[in-house]
Amino acid sequence: MPVLPPPPASAPPVDHLTITTQIPLRSSKLPRVICYHQTHYHNNLFVSALPLLDTGITHLIIAAFHVNAPDDKTPKANITLNNDPPDHHKLAPLWTEIRAFQHAGVKVLGMLGGAAQGSFTRLDGDAESFETYYQLLYKTLEWAKLDGLDLDVEEEMCLAGIIRLIGRLKRDFGDEFLITLAPVAPALRGSHNLSGFSYEDLEKAFGRHIAWYNTQFYCGWGDMTTTADYESIVDRGWLLQKIVVGLVTNPENGRGWVSDGPLGETLGMLKAYPGFGGVMGWEYFNSMTEGGGQGEPWCWAQFMTDVLHAEEVEEDAAEVDRAIM
């Protein structure tokens, strides 16, 4: 892999952002409000995520990084962000925005893997093979200056393999580097699993190194019209703060989209649990609510903020009103 140029040293100006009465909540707050951001261009236009800074977003996850083996077109193993090298010129606006989020106190993670399989198979080989592919990942993360990595393991991997990978990431990037995983909801109940290993065994053995789980409650893996599926996981002993409710932000993004009313009611009940871990949305570019509709994708994060942090939003607005008077 070629030596990548350094990312922008400082955050770009964000003067063009709309100033609102809400004081944004950031990564130290629970419940978390997390957005995945994979579609960086739509209809040949760059999709800016900066409007999210006017919401209560706490974490942004950039998807999807892939560890690729050599092939006829690319004779050397490599890392791509979706279909392009991470340092491709078309992604320069994305990296500029990432620095703005970090400057504003939003933690930005990368997502490795997902539905496009192969990355974790390559990182699950013998010591020599692991080192070859891990070094590519390490150099990319070192260049990218991200705050963590979300491991979306949707292929067979052994428990020792995922522990080895997490252990190396923590050793090389330190305790402050966030490691999250993205299991389907039944995997946290010891049931259906896309990853091969047991998440309950992983948590028992290595949970101290895992910040939380972006748990998929959609595409038939869970139902957020009620609290039952979430509570069935907590009843097995999982810590509330480690279970983030994963949602689709648009019916086009997968089965299981829940309309505003029922979703608001369910999340309203879950947030009553002390330490509730929060929500994540897949994905940003076409996010919608019944109130916001299409074309304003930041509306989903704002809706989540309003539901999960209503008291803080009202208090912040009152403080602004008092300052103006």
C-alpha atoms as a PDB file:
ATOM      1  CA  MET A   1       0.000   0.000   0.000  1.00  0.00           C
ATOM      2  CA  PRO A   2       1.447   3.416  -0.908  1.00  0.00           C
ATOM      3  CA  VAL A   3       2.224   5.937   1.764  1.00  0.00           C
ATOM      4  CA  LEU A   4      -0.922   7.994   2.197  1.00  0.00           C
ATOM      5  CA  PRO A   5      -0.818  11.778   2.466  1.00  0.00           C
ATOM      6  CA  PRO A   6      -1.681  13.237   5.870  1.00  0.00           C
ATOM      7  CA  PRO A   7      -5.300  14.216   6.438  1.00  0.00           C
ATOM      8  CA  PRO A   8      -6.126  17.886   6.952  1.00  0.00           C
ATOM      9  CA  ALA A   9      -4.397  19.121  10.115  1.00  0.00           C
ATOM     10  CA  SER A  10      -7.295  21.198  11.347  1.00  0.00           C
ATOM     11  CA  ALA A  11     -11.033  21.330  11.047  1.00  0.00           C
ATOM     12  CA  PRO A  12     -12.509  23.425   8.244  1.00  0.00           C
ATOM     13  CA  PRO A  13     -14.711  26.398   9.049  1.00  0.00           C
ATOM     14  CA  VAL A  14     -18.360  25.562   9.640  1.00  0.00           C
ATOM     15  CA  ASP A  15     -19.730  29.113   9.581  1.00  0.00           C
ATOM     16  CA  HIS A  16     -22.278  28.106   6.955  1.00  0.00           C
ATOM     17  CA  LEU A  17     -24.024  25.739   9.375  1.00  0.00           C
ATOM     18  CA  THR A  18     -27.394  26.887  10.633  1.00  0.00           C
ATOM     19  CA  ILE A  19     -27.202  28.139  14.211  1.00  0.00           C
ATOM     20  CA  THR A  20     -29.981  26.681  16.322  1.00  0.00           C
ATOM     21  CA  THR A  21     -31.098  27.102  19.913  1.00  0.00           C
ATOM     22  CA  GLN A  22     -30.018  23.559  20.696  1.00  0.00           C
ATOM     23  CA  ILE A  23     -26.655  22.938  22.285  1.00  0.00           C
ATOM     24  CA  PRO A  24     -25.401  19.744  20.581  1.00  0.00           C
ATOM     25  CA  LEU A  25     -24.894  16.686  22.741  1.00  0.00           C
ATOM     26  CA  ARG A  26     -21.664  14.853  22.117  1.00  0.00           C
ATOM     27  CA  SER A  27     -19.933  11.527  22.651  1.00  0.00           C
ATOM     28  CA  SER A  28     -19.826  11.547  26.449  1.00  0.00           C
ATOM     29  CA  LYS A  29     -23.631  11.525  26.646  1.00  0.00           C
ATOM     30  CA  LEU A  30     -25.962   8.584  27.060  1.00  0.00           C
ATOM     31  CA  PRO A  31     -28.118   7.562  25.311  1.00  0.00           C
ATOM     32  CA  ARG A  32     -25.905   7.727  22.214  1.00  0.00           C
ATOM     33  CA  VAL A  33     -27.192   8.968  18.852  1.00  0.00           C
ATOM     34  CA  ILE A  34     -25.125   7.267  16.146  1.00  0.00           C
ATOM     35  CA  CYS A  35     -25.316   7.521  12.354  1.00  0.00           C
ATOM     36  CA  TYR A  36     -23.661   5.272   9.806  1.00  0.00           C
ATOM     37  CA  HIS A  37     -22.472   7.142   6.722  1.00  0.00           C
ATOM     38  CA  GLN A  38     -21.735   4.916   3.723  1.00  0.00           C
ATOM     39  CA  THR A  39     -23.241   6.608   0.662  1.00  0.00           C
ATOM     40  CA  HIS A  40     -20.849   9.515   0.220  1.00  0.00           C
ATOM     41  CA  TYR A  41     -22.047  10.340  -3.293  1.00  0.00           C
ATOM     42  CA  HIS A  42     -25.621  10.165  -4.547  1.00  0.00           C
ATOM     43  CA  ASN A  43     -26.624  11.031  -8.117  1.00  0.00           C
ATOM     44  CA  ASN A  44     -22.981  12.086  -8.640  1.00  0.00           C
ATOM     45  CA  LEU A  45     -23.242  14.704  -5.894  1.00  0.00           C
ATOM     46  CA  PHE A  46     -21.281  14.647  -2.643  1.00  0.00           C
ATOM     47  CA  VAL A  47     -23.480  13.933   0.381  1.00  0.00           C
ATOM     48  CA  SER A  48     -22.521  16.330   3.150  1.00  0.00           C
ATOM     49  CA  ALA A  49     -23.000  15.093   6.704  1.00  0.00           C
ATOM     50  CA  LEU A  50     -22.244  18.481   8.277  1.00  0.00           C
ATOM     51  CA  PRO A  51     -25.920  19.297   9.017  1.00  0.00           C
ATOM     52  CA  LEU A  52     -25.740  16.544  11.636  1.00  0.00           C
ATOM     53  CA  LEU A  53     -23.646  18.913  13.744  1.00  0.00           C
ATOM     54  CA  ASP A  54     -26.831  20.858  14.440  1.00  0.00           C
ATOM     55  CA  THR A  55     -28.417  17.733  15.963  1.00  0.00           C
ATOM     56  CA  GLY A  56     -27.530  15.728  19.037  1.00  0.00           C
ATOM     57  CA  ILE A  57     -25.367  13.220  17.182  1.00  0.00           C
ATOM     58  CA  THR A  58     -22.707  11.687  19.401  1.00  0.00           C
ATOM     59  CA  HIS A  59     -20.907   9.337  16.996  1.00  0.00           C
ATOM     60  CA  LEU A  60     -20.486   9.046  13.224  1.00  0.00           C
ATOM     61  CA  ILE A  61     -19.430   5.736  11.662  1.00  0.00           C
ATOM     62  CA  ILE A  62     -17.836   5.885   8.205  1.00  0.00           C
ATOM     63  CA  ALA A  63     -18.590   2.808   6.115  1.00  0.00           C
ATOM     64  CA  ALA A  64     -17.329   0.596   4.752  1.00  0.00           C
ATOM     65  CA  PHE A  65     -13.641  -0.315   4.801  1.00  0.00           C
ATOM     66  CA  HIS A  66     -12.610  -3.592   3.172  1.00  0.00           C
ATOM     67  CA  VAL A  67      -9.434  -5.665   3.352  1.00  0.00           C
ATOM     68  CA  ASN A  68      -8.887  -6.989  -0.167  1.00  0.00           C
ATOM     69  CA  ALA A  69      -6.756  -9.842  -1.458  1.00  0.00           C
ATOM     70  CA  PRO A  70      -4.735  -9.481  -4.667  1.00  0.00           C
ATOM     71  CA  ASP A  71      -6.636 -10.100  -7.886  1.00  0.00           C
ATOM     72  CA  ASP A  72      -6.194  -9.685 -11.637  1.00  0.00           C
ATOM     73  CA  LYS A  73      -6.967  -5.954 -11.503  1.00  0.00           C
ATOM     74  CA  THR A  74      -5.022  -5.188  -8.323  1.00  0.00           C
ATOM     75  CA  PRO A  75      -1.923  -7.375  -7.936  1.00  0.00           C
ATOM     76  CA  LYS A  76      -1.299  -6.347  -4.302  1.00  0.00           C
ATOM     77  CA  ALA A  77      -3.463  -6.696  -1.223  1.00  0.00           C
ATOM     78  CA  ASN A  78      -5.106  -3.400  -0.389  1.00  0.00           C
ATOM     79  CA  ILE A  79      -7.663  -1.477   1.653  1.00  0.00           C
ATOM     80  CA  THR A  80     -10.637   0.307   0.105  1.00  0.00           C
ATOM     81  CA  LEU A  81     -13.336   2.578   1.470  1.00  0.00           C
ATOM     82  CA  ASN A  82     -16.275   1.153  -0.432  1.00  0.00           C
ATOM     83  CA  ASN A  83     -14.788   0.895  -3.940  1.00  0.00           C
ATOM     84  CA  ASP A  84     -11.950   3.422  -3.710  1.00  0.00           C
ATOM     85  CA  PRO A  85      -8.624   3.817  -1.922  1.00  0.00           C
ATOM     86  CA  PRO A  86      -9.159   5.894   1.218  1.00  0.00           C
ATOM     87  CA  ASP A  87      -6.910   8.631  -0.166  1.00  0.00           C
ATOM     88  CA  HIS A  88      -8.763   8.926  -3.485  1.00  0.00           C
ATOM     89  CA  HIS A  89      -9.299  12.565  -4.433  1.00  0.00           C
ATOM     90  CA  LYS A  90     -13.084  12.116  -4.556  1.00  0.00           C
ATOM     91  CA  LEU A  91     -13.050  11.371  -0.809  1.00  0.00           C
ATOM     92  CA  ALA A  92     -11.176  14.551   0.140  1.00  0.00           C
ATOM     93  CA  PRO A  93     -14.429  16.373   1.083  1.00  0.00           C
ATOM     94  CA  LEU A  94     -15.349  13.460   3.338  1.00  0.00           C
ATOM     95  CA  TRP A  95     -12.069  13.631   5.251  1.00  0.00           C
ATOM     96  CA  THR A  96     -12.447  17.382   5.627  1.00  0.00           C
ATOM     97  CA  GLU A  97     -15.880  16.873   7.158  1.00  0.00           C
ATOM     98  CA  ILE A  98     -14.555  14.140   9.445  1.00  0.00           C
ATOM     99  CA  ARG A  99     -12.105  16.644  10.936  1.00  0.00           C
ATOM    100  CA  ALA A 100     -15.013  19.065  11.513  1.00  0.00           C
ATOM    101  CA  PHE A 101     -16.940  16.399  13.423  1.00  0.00           C
ATOM    102  CA  GLN A 102     -13.926  15.532  15.542  1.00  0.00           C
ATOM    103  CA  HIS A 103     -13.254  19.211  16.220  1.00  0.00           C
ATOM    104  CA  ALA A 104     -16.857  19.535  17.442  1.00  0.00           C
ATOM    105  CA  GLY A 105     -16.453  16.632  19.879  1.00  0.00           C
ATOM    106  CA  VAL A 106     -18.180  13.932  17.824  1.00  0.00           C
ATOM    107  CA  LYS A 107     -16.269  10.655  17.810  1.00  0.00           C
ATOM    108  CA  VAL A 108     -15.791   9.300  14.273  1.00  0.00           C
ATOM    109  CA  LEU A 109     -15.264   5.579  13.752  1.00  0.00           C
ATOM    110  CA  GLY A 110     -14.653   3.521  10.651  1.00  0.00           C
ATOM    111  CA  MET A 111     -16.687   0.421   9.858  1.00  0.00           C
ATOM    112  CA  LEU A 112     -14.854  -2.683   8.678  1.00  0.00           C
ATOM    113  CA  GLY A 113     -16.644  -5.424   6.763  1.00  0.00           C
ATOM    114  CA  GLY A 114     -20.406  -5.654   6.443  1.00  0.00           C
ATOM    115  CA  ALA A 115     -22.338  -7.465   3.764  1.00  0.00           C
ATOM    116  CA  ALA A 116     -19.341  -7.502   1.394  1.00  0.00           C
ATOM    117  CA  GLN A 117     -17.515 -10.492   2.798  1.00  0.00           C
ATOM    118  CA  GLY A 118     -13.820 -11.335   2.880  1.00  0.00           C
ATOM    119  CA  SER A 119     -12.172  -8.845   5.242  1.00  0.00           C
ATOM    120  CA  PHE A 120     -12.546 -10.976   8.365  1.00  0.00           C
ATOM    121  CA  THR A 121     -11.720 -14.220   6.580  1.00  0.00           C
ATOM    122  CA  ARG A 122      -8.394 -12.639   5.615  1.00  0.00           C
ATOM    123  CA  LEU A 123      -7.827 -11.455   9.188  1.00  0.00           C
ATOM    124  CA  ASP A 124      -8.663 -14.901  10.563  1.00  0.00           C
ATOM    125  CA  GLY A 125      -5.804 -16.830   8.973  1.00  0.00           C
ATOM    126  CA  ASP A 126      -2.483 -18.074  10.322  1.00  0.00           C
ATOM    127  CA  ALA A 127      -0.031 -15.691  11.978  1.00  0.00           C
ATOM    128  CA  GLU A 128       1.785 -14.777   8.767  1.00  0.00           C
ATOM    129  CA  SER A 129      -1.400 -14.144   6.801  1.00  0.00           C
ATOM    130  CA  PHE A 130      -2.910 -12.129   9.645  1.00  0.00           C
ATOM    131  CA  GLU A 131       0.167  -9.939   9.879  1.00  0.00           C
ATOM    132  CA  THR A 132       0.146  -9.229   6.153  1.00  0.00           C
ATOM    133  CA  TYR A 133      -3.448  -8.027   6.123  1.00  0.00           C
ATOM    134  CA  TYR A 134      -3.394  -6.426   9.563  1.00  0.00           C
ATOM    135  CA  GLN A 135      -0.496  -4.180   8.601  1.00  0.00           C
ATOM    136  CA  LEU A 136      -2.593  -2.765   5.765  1.00  0.00           C
ATOM    137  CA  LEU A 137      -5.409  -2.042   8.186  1.00  0.00           C
ATOM    138  CA  TYR A 138      -3.014  -0.568  10.747  1.00  0.00           C
ATOM    139  CA  LYS A 139      -1.407   1.819   8.247  1.00  0.00           C
ATOM    140  CA  THR A 140      -4.808   2.957   7.004  1.00  0.00           C
ATOM    141  CA  LEU A 141      -6.106   3.640  10.510  1.00  0.00           C
ATOM    142  CA  GLU A 142      -2.893   5.394  11.472  1.00  0.00           C
ATOM    143  CA  TRP A 143      -3.289   7.687   8.466  1.00  0.00           C
ATOM    144  CA  ALA A 144      -7.015   8.231   8.914  1.00  0.00           C
ATOM    145  CA  LYS A 145      -6.780   9.346  12.569  1.00  0.00           C
ATOM    146  CA  LEU A 146     -10.190   7.891  13.365  1.00  0.00           C
ATOM    147  CA  ASP A 147     -11.451   7.518  16.929  1.00  0.00           C
ATOM    148  CA  GLY A 148     -12.276   3.849  16.637  1.00  0.00           C
ATOM    149  CA  LEU A 149     -13.353   0.925  14.484  1.00  0.00           C
ATOM    150  CA  ASP A 150     -16.716  -0.828  14.206  1.00  0.00           C
ATOM    151  CA  LEU A 151     -16.276  -4.519  13.373  1.00  0.00           C
ATOM    152  CA  ASP A 152     -19.271  -5.670  11.332  1.00  0.00           C
ATOM    153  CA  VAL A 153     -18.519  -9.379  11.071  1.00  0.00           C
ATOM    154  CA  GLU A 154     -21.039 -10.879   8.643  1.00  0.00           C
ATOM    155  CA  GLU A 155     -18.987 -13.964   7.784  1.00  0.00           C
ATOM    156  CA  GLU A 156     -17.523 -16.915   9.645  1.00  0.00           C
ATOM    157  CA  MET A 157     -14.727 -16.019  12.063  1.00  0.00           C
ATOM    158  CA  CYS A 158     -13.428 -17.903  15.070  1.00  0.00           C
ATOM    159  CA  LEU A 159     -13.482 -16.496  18.605  1.00  0.00           C
ATOM    160  CA  ALA A 160      -9.691 -16.570  18.828  1.00  0.00           C
ATOM    161  CA  GLY A 161      -9.511 -14.613  15.565  1.00  0.00           C
ATOM    162  CA  ILE A 162     -11.748 -11.737  16.681  1.00  0.00           C
ATOM    163  CA  ILE A 163      -9.957 -11.596  20.055  1.00  0.00           C
ATOM    164  CA  ARG A 164      -6.583 -11.442  18.277  1.00  0.00           C
ATOM    165  CA  LEU A 165      -7.796  -8.592  16.063  1.00  0.00           C
ATOM    166  CA  ILE A 166      -9.307  -6.564  18.925  1.00  0.00           C
ATOM    167  CA  GLY A 167      -6.227  -7.153  21.046  1.00  0.00           C
ATOM    168  CA  ARG A 168      -3.892  -5.850  18.354  1.00  0.00           C
ATOM    169  CA  LEU A 169      -6.035  -2.792  17.709  1.00  0.00           C
ATOM    170  CA  LYS A 170      -6.052  -1.946  21.402  1.00  0.00           C
ATOM    171  CA  ARG A 171      -2.311  -2.536  21.734  1.00  0.00           C
ATOM    172  CA  ASP A 172      -1.491  -0.398  18.708  1.00  0.00           C
ATOM    173  CA  PHE A 173      -3.985   2.460  19.180  1.00  0.00           C
ATOM    174  CA  GLY A 174      -4.504   2.569  22.930  1.00  0.00           C
ATOM    175  CA  ASP A 175      -7.355   2.384  25.398  1.00  0.00           C
ATOM    176  CA  GLU A 176      -9.042   5.523  24.043  1.00  0.00           C
ATOM    177  CA  PHE A 177      -9.505   3.891  20.620  1.00  0.00           C
ATOM    178  CA  LEU A 178     -13.119   2.682  20.509  1.00  0.00           C
ATOM    179  CA  ILE A 179     -13.896  -0.865  19.421  1.00  0.00           C
ATOM    180  CA  THR A 180     -17.525  -1.682  18.661  1.00  0.00           C
ATOM    181  CA  LEU A 181     -19.219  -4.615  16.953  1.00  0.00           C
ATOM    182  CA  ALA A 182     -22.455  -4.866  14.968  1.00  0.00           C
ATOM    183  CA  PRO A 183     -24.199  -8.184  15.680  1.00  0.00           C
ATOM    184  CA  VAL A 184     -27.737  -9.075  14.756  1.00  0.00           C
ATOM    185  CA  ALA A 185     -29.993  -8.974  17.806  1.00  0.00           C
ATOM    186  CA  PRO A 186     -30.476 -12.764  18.163  1.00  0.00           C
ATOM    187  CA  ALA A 187     -26.691 -13.174  18.477  1.00  0.00           C
ATOM    188  CA  LEU A 188     -26.867 -11.460  21.870  1.00  0.00           C
ATOM    189  CA  ARG A 189     -29.455 -14.003  22.956  1.00  0.00           C
ATOM    190  CA  GLY A 190     -27.230 -16.932  21.985  1.00  0.00           C
ATOM    191  CA  SER A 191     -29.320 -17.600  18.886  1.00  0.00           C
ATOM    192  CA  HIS A 192     -28.905 -16.872  15.146  1.00  0.00           C
ATOM    193  CA  ASN A 193     -25.544 -15.382  14.308  1.00  0.00           C
ATOM    194  CA  LEU A 194     -23.804 -14.109  11.165  1.00  0.00           C
ATOM    195  CA  SER A 195     -20.329 -14.011  12.699  1.00  0.00           C
ATOM    196  CA  GLY A 196     -19.481 -17.587  13.616  1.00  0.00           C
ATOM    197  CA  PHE A 197     -18.272 -16.906  17.160  1.00  0.00           C
ATOM    198  CA  SER A 198     -20.377 -16.500  20.299  1.00  0.00           C
ATOM    199  CA  TYR A 199     -20.878 -12.872  21.328  1.00  0.00           C
ATOM    200  CA  GLU A 200     -21.625 -13.956  24.868  1.00  0.00           C
ATOM    201  CA  ASP A 201     -18.292 -15.784  25.022  1.00  0.00           C
ATOM    202  CA  LEU A 202     -16.555 -12.772  23.482  1.00  0.00           C
ATOM    203  CA  GLU A 203     -18.059 -10.423  26.057  1.00  0.00           C
ATOM    204  CA  LYS A 204     -17.062 -12.694  28.934  1.00  0.00           C
ATOM    205  CA  ALA A 205     -13.509 -13.063  27.647  1.00  0.00           C
ATOM    206  CA  PHE A 206     -12.772  -9.624  26.203  1.00  0.00           C
ATOM    207  CA  GLY A 207     -15.702  -7.346  26.975  1.00  0.00           C
ATOM    208  CA  ARG A 208     -13.473  -4.850  28.785  1.00  0.00           C
ATOM    209  CA  HIS A 209     -12.038  -3.884  25.393  1.00  0.00           C
ATOM    210  CA  ILE A 210     -15.415  -3.448  23.642  1.00  0.00           C
ATOM    211  CA  ALA A 211     -17.189  -0.102  24.017  1.00  0.00           C
ATOM    212  CA  TRP A 212     -20.646  -1.226  22.867  1.00  0.00           C
ATOM    213  CA  TYR A 213     -22.582  -3.307  20.333  1.00  0.00           C
ATOM    214  CA  ASN A 214     -24.447  -1.663  17.416  1.00  0.00           C
ATOM    215  CA  THR A 215     -27.165  -4.291  17.480  1.00  0.00           C
ATOM    216  CA  GLN A 216     -29.238  -4.861  14.336  1.00  0.00           C
ATOM    217  CA  PHE A 217     -32.951  -4.892  15.214  1.00  0.00           C
ATOM    218  CA  TYR A 218     -34.068  -4.871  11.558  1.00  0.00           C
ATOM    219  CA  CYS A 219     -34.255  -7.108   8.467  1.00  0.00           C
ATOM    220  CA  GLY A 220     -36.121  -9.682  10.525  1.00  0.00           C
ATOM    221  CA  TRP A 221     -33.542  -9.765  13.336  1.00  0.00           C
ATOM    222  CA  GLY A 222     -35.626  -7.717  15.769  1.00  0.00           C
ATOM    223  CA  ASP A 223     -38.711  -5.588  16.251  1.00  0.00           C
ATOM    224  CA  MET A 224     -38.704  -2.081  17.674  1.00  0.00           C
ATOM    225  CA  THR A 225     -42.462  -1.592  17.793  1.00  0.00           C
ATOM    226  CA  THR A 226     -42.153  -2.929  21.349  1.00  0.00           C
ATOM    227  CA  THR A 227     -39.422  -3.189  23.978  1.00  0.00           C
ATOM    228  CA  ALA A 228     -39.628  -6.996  24.138  1.00  0.00           C
ATOM    229  CA  ASP A 229     -36.639  -7.871  21.929  1.00  0.00           C
ATOM    230  CA  TYR A 230     -34.346  -5.391  23.672  1.00  0.00           C
ATOM    231  CA  GLU A 231     -35.441  -6.543  27.115  1.00  0.00           C
ATOM    232  CA  SER A 232     -34.885 -10.187  26.183  1.00  0.00           C
ATOM    233  CA  ILE A 233     -31.217  -9.329  25.607  1.00  0.00           C
ATOM    234  CA  VAL A 234     -30.856  -7.388  28.838  1.00  0.00           C
ATOM    235  CA  ASP A 235     -32.515 -10.251  30.708  1.00  0.00           C
ATOM    236  CA  ARG A 236     -29.523 -12.429  29.755  1.00  0.00           C
ATOM    237  CA  GLY A 237     -27.221 -10.168  31.741  1.00  0.00           C
ATOM    238  CA  TRP A 238     -25.991  -7.681  29.132  1.00  0.00           C
ATOM    239  CA  LEU A 239     -25.191  -4.204  30.409  1.00  0.00           C
ATOM    240  CA  LEU A 240     -27.705  -1.631  29.182  1.00  0.00           C
ATOM    241  CA  GLN A 241     -25.019   0.879  28.194  1.00  0.00           C
ATOM    242  CA  LYS A 242     -23.405  -1.650  25.867  1.00  0.00           C
ATOM    243  CA  ILE A 243     -26.529  -2.400  23.795  1.00  0.00           C
ATOM    244  CA  VAL A 244     -27.278   0.206  21.123  1.00  0.00           C
ATOM    245  CA  VAL A 245     -30.542  -0.237  19.230  1.00  0.00           C
ATOM    246  CA  GLY A 246     -29.821  -0.474  15.502  1.00  0.00           C
ATOM    247  CA  LEU A 247     -32.532   0.871  13.180  1.00  0.00           C
ATOM    248  CA  VAL A 248     -33.026   1.431   9.484  1.00  0.00           C
ATOM    249  CA  THR A 249     -33.597   5.097   8.734  1.00  0.00           C
ATOM    250  CA  ASN A 250     -35.663   4.552   5.596  1.00  0.00           C
ATOM    251  CA  PRO A 251     -37.914   1.678   4.423  1.00  0.00           C
ATOM    252  CA  GLU A 252     -35.639   1.394   1.376  1.00  0.00           C
ATOM    253  CA  ASN A 253     -32.687   0.453   3.597  1.00  0.00           C
ATOM    254  CA  GLY A 254     -34.142  -2.846   4.771  1.00  0.00           C
ATOM    255  CA  ARG A 255     -37.127  -4.492   6.364  1.00  0.00           C
ATOM    256  CA  GLY A 256     -38.123  -3.374   9.828  1.00  0.00           C
ATOM    257  CA  TRP A 257     -38.454   0.395   9.465  1.00  0.00           C
ATOM    258  CA  VAL A 258     -40.694   1.681  12.255  1.00  0.00           C
ATOM    259  CA  SER A 259     -42.807   4.810  11.863  1.00  0.00           C
ATOM    260  CA  ASP A 260     -42.321   7.797  14.154  1.00  0.00           C
ATOM    261  CA  GLY A 261     -45.176   7.178  16.585  1.00  0.00           C
ATOM    262  CA  PRO A 262     -44.498   3.556  17.585  1.00  0.00           C
ATOM    263  CA  LEU A 263     -40.722   4.096  17.505  1.00  0.00           C
ATOM    264  CA  GLY A 264     -40.958   7.141  19.721  1.00  0.00           C
ATOM    265  CA  GLU A 265     -43.080   5.255  22.212  1.00  0.00           C
ATOM    266  CA  THR A 266     -40.680   2.297  22.328  1.00  0.00           C
ATOM    267  CA  LEU A 267     -37.590   4.459  22.733  1.00  0.00           C
ATOM    268  CA  GLY A 268     -39.376   6.577  25.310  1.00  0.00           C
ATOM    269  CA  MET A 269     -39.827   3.462  27.423  1.00  0.00           C
ATOM    270  CA  LEU A 270     -36.257   2.261  26.885  1.00  0.00           C
ATOM    271  CA  LYS A 271     -34.690   5.586  27.825  1.00  0.00           C
ATOM    272  CA  ALA A 272     -36.312   5.231  31.241  1.00  0.00           C
ATOM    273  CA  TYR A 273     -33.781   2.483  31.955  1.00  0.00           C
ATOM    274  CA  PRO A 274     -30.714   4.052  33.629  1.00  0.00           C
ATOM    275  CA  GLY A 275     -27.742   3.707  31.305  1.00  0.00           C
ATOM    276  CA  PHE A 276     -29.708   2.913  28.126  1.00  0.00           C
ATOM    277  CA  GLY A 277     -27.076   2.661  25.384  1.00  0.00           C
ATOM    278  CA  GLY A 278     -28.822   4.625  22.645  1.00  0.00           C
ATOM    279  CA  VAL A 279     -29.624   4.200  18.959  1.00  0.00           C
ATOM    280  CA  MET A 280     -27.833   3.873  15.658  1.00  0.00           C
ATOM    281  CA  GLY A 281     -29.263   4.461  12.190  1.00  0.00           C
ATOM    282  CA  TRP A 282     -28.403   2.777   8.899  1.00  0.00           C
ATOM    283  CA  GLU A 283     -27.789   4.968   7.034  1.00  0.00           C
ATOM    284  CA  TYR A 284     -27.452   8.756   6.787  1.00  0.00           C
ATOM    285  CA  PHE A 285     -27.869   9.805   3.144  1.00  0.00           C
ATOM    286  CA  ASN A 286     -31.564   8.938   2.755  1.00  0.00           C
ATOM    287  CA  SER A 287     -32.656   9.103   6.395  1.00  0.00           C
ATOM    288  CA  MET A 288     -36.215  10.230   6.874  1.00  0.00           C
ATOM    289  CA  THR A 289     -38.969  10.667   9.415  1.00  0.00           C
ATOM    290  CA  GLU A 290     -42.665  11.095   8.802  1.00  0.00           C
ATOM    291  CA  GLY A 291     -42.278  14.719   9.818  1.00  0.00           C
ATOM    292  CA  GLY A 292     -39.064  15.423   7.903  1.00  0.00           C
ATOM    293  CA  GLY A 293     -39.576  13.273   4.845  1.00  0.00           C
ATOM    294  CA  GLN A 294     -36.993  12.827   2.107  1.00  0.00           C
ATOM    295  CA  GLY A 295     -34.234  15.303   1.289  1.00  0.00           C
ATOM    296  CA  GLU A 296     -33.409  16.315   4.866  1.00  0.00           C
ATOM    297  CA  PRO A 297     -31.482  13.276   6.143  1.00  0.00           C
ATOM    298  CA  TRP A 298     -30.379  15.018   9.330  1.00  0.00           C
ATOM    299  CA  CYS A 299     -34.017  14.929  10.487  1.00  0.00           C
ATOM    300  CA  TRP A 300     -33.635  11.339  11.737  1.00  0.00           C
ATOM    301  CA  ALA A 301     -30.824  12.248  14.144  1.00  0.00           C
ATOM    302  CA  GLN A 302     -32.824  15.263  15.275  1.00  0.00           C
ATOM    303  CA  PHE A 303     -35.868  13.069  15.925  1.00  0.00           C
ATOM    304  CA  MET A 304     -33.712  10.694  17.957  1.00  0.00           C
ATOM    305  CA  THR A 305     -32.319  13.652  19.905  1.00  0.00           C
ATOM    306  CA  ASP A 306     -35.804  14.966  20.609  1.00  0.00           C
ATOM    307  CA  VAL A 307     -36.993  11.553  21.838  1.00  0.00           C
ATOM    308  CA  LEU A 308     -33.956  10.555  23.882  1.00  0.00           C
ATOM    309  CA  HIS A 309     -32.816  13.932  25.174  1.00  0.00           C
ATOM    310  CA  ALA A 310     -36.013  15.977  25.328  1.00  0.00           C
ATOM    311  CA  GLU A 311     -35.294  17.289  28.808  1.00  0.00           C
ATOM    312  CA  GLU A 312     -31.798  18.497  27.884  1.00  0.00           C
ATOM    313  CA  VAL A 313     -33.062  20.130  24.679  1.00  0.00           C
ATOM    314  CA  GLU A 314     -35.770  22.029  26.598  1.00  0.00           C
ATOM    315  CA  GLU A 315     -33.273  23.091  29.255  1.00  0.00           C
ATOM    316  CA  ASP A 316     -30.756  24.267  26.662  1.00  0.00           C
ATOM    317  CA  ALA A 317     -33.429  26.261  24.816  1.00  0.00           C
ATOM    318  CA  ALA A 318     -34.513  27.852  28.080  1.00  0.00           C
ATOM    319  CA  GLU A 319     -30.924  28.865  28.817  1.00  0.00           C
ATOM    320  CA  VAL A 320     -30.653  30.510  25.405  1.00  0.00           C
ATOM    321  CA  ASP A 321     -33.950  32.364  25.980  1.00  0.00           C
ATOM    322  CA  ARG A 322     -32.724  33.625  29.344  1.00  0.00           C
ATOM    323  CA  ALA A 323     -29.472  34.818  27.776  1.00  0.00           C
ATOM    324  CA  ILE A 324     -31.379  36.750  25.097  1.00  0.00           C
ATOM    325  CA  MET A 325     -33.765  38.455  27.581  1.00  0.00           C
END
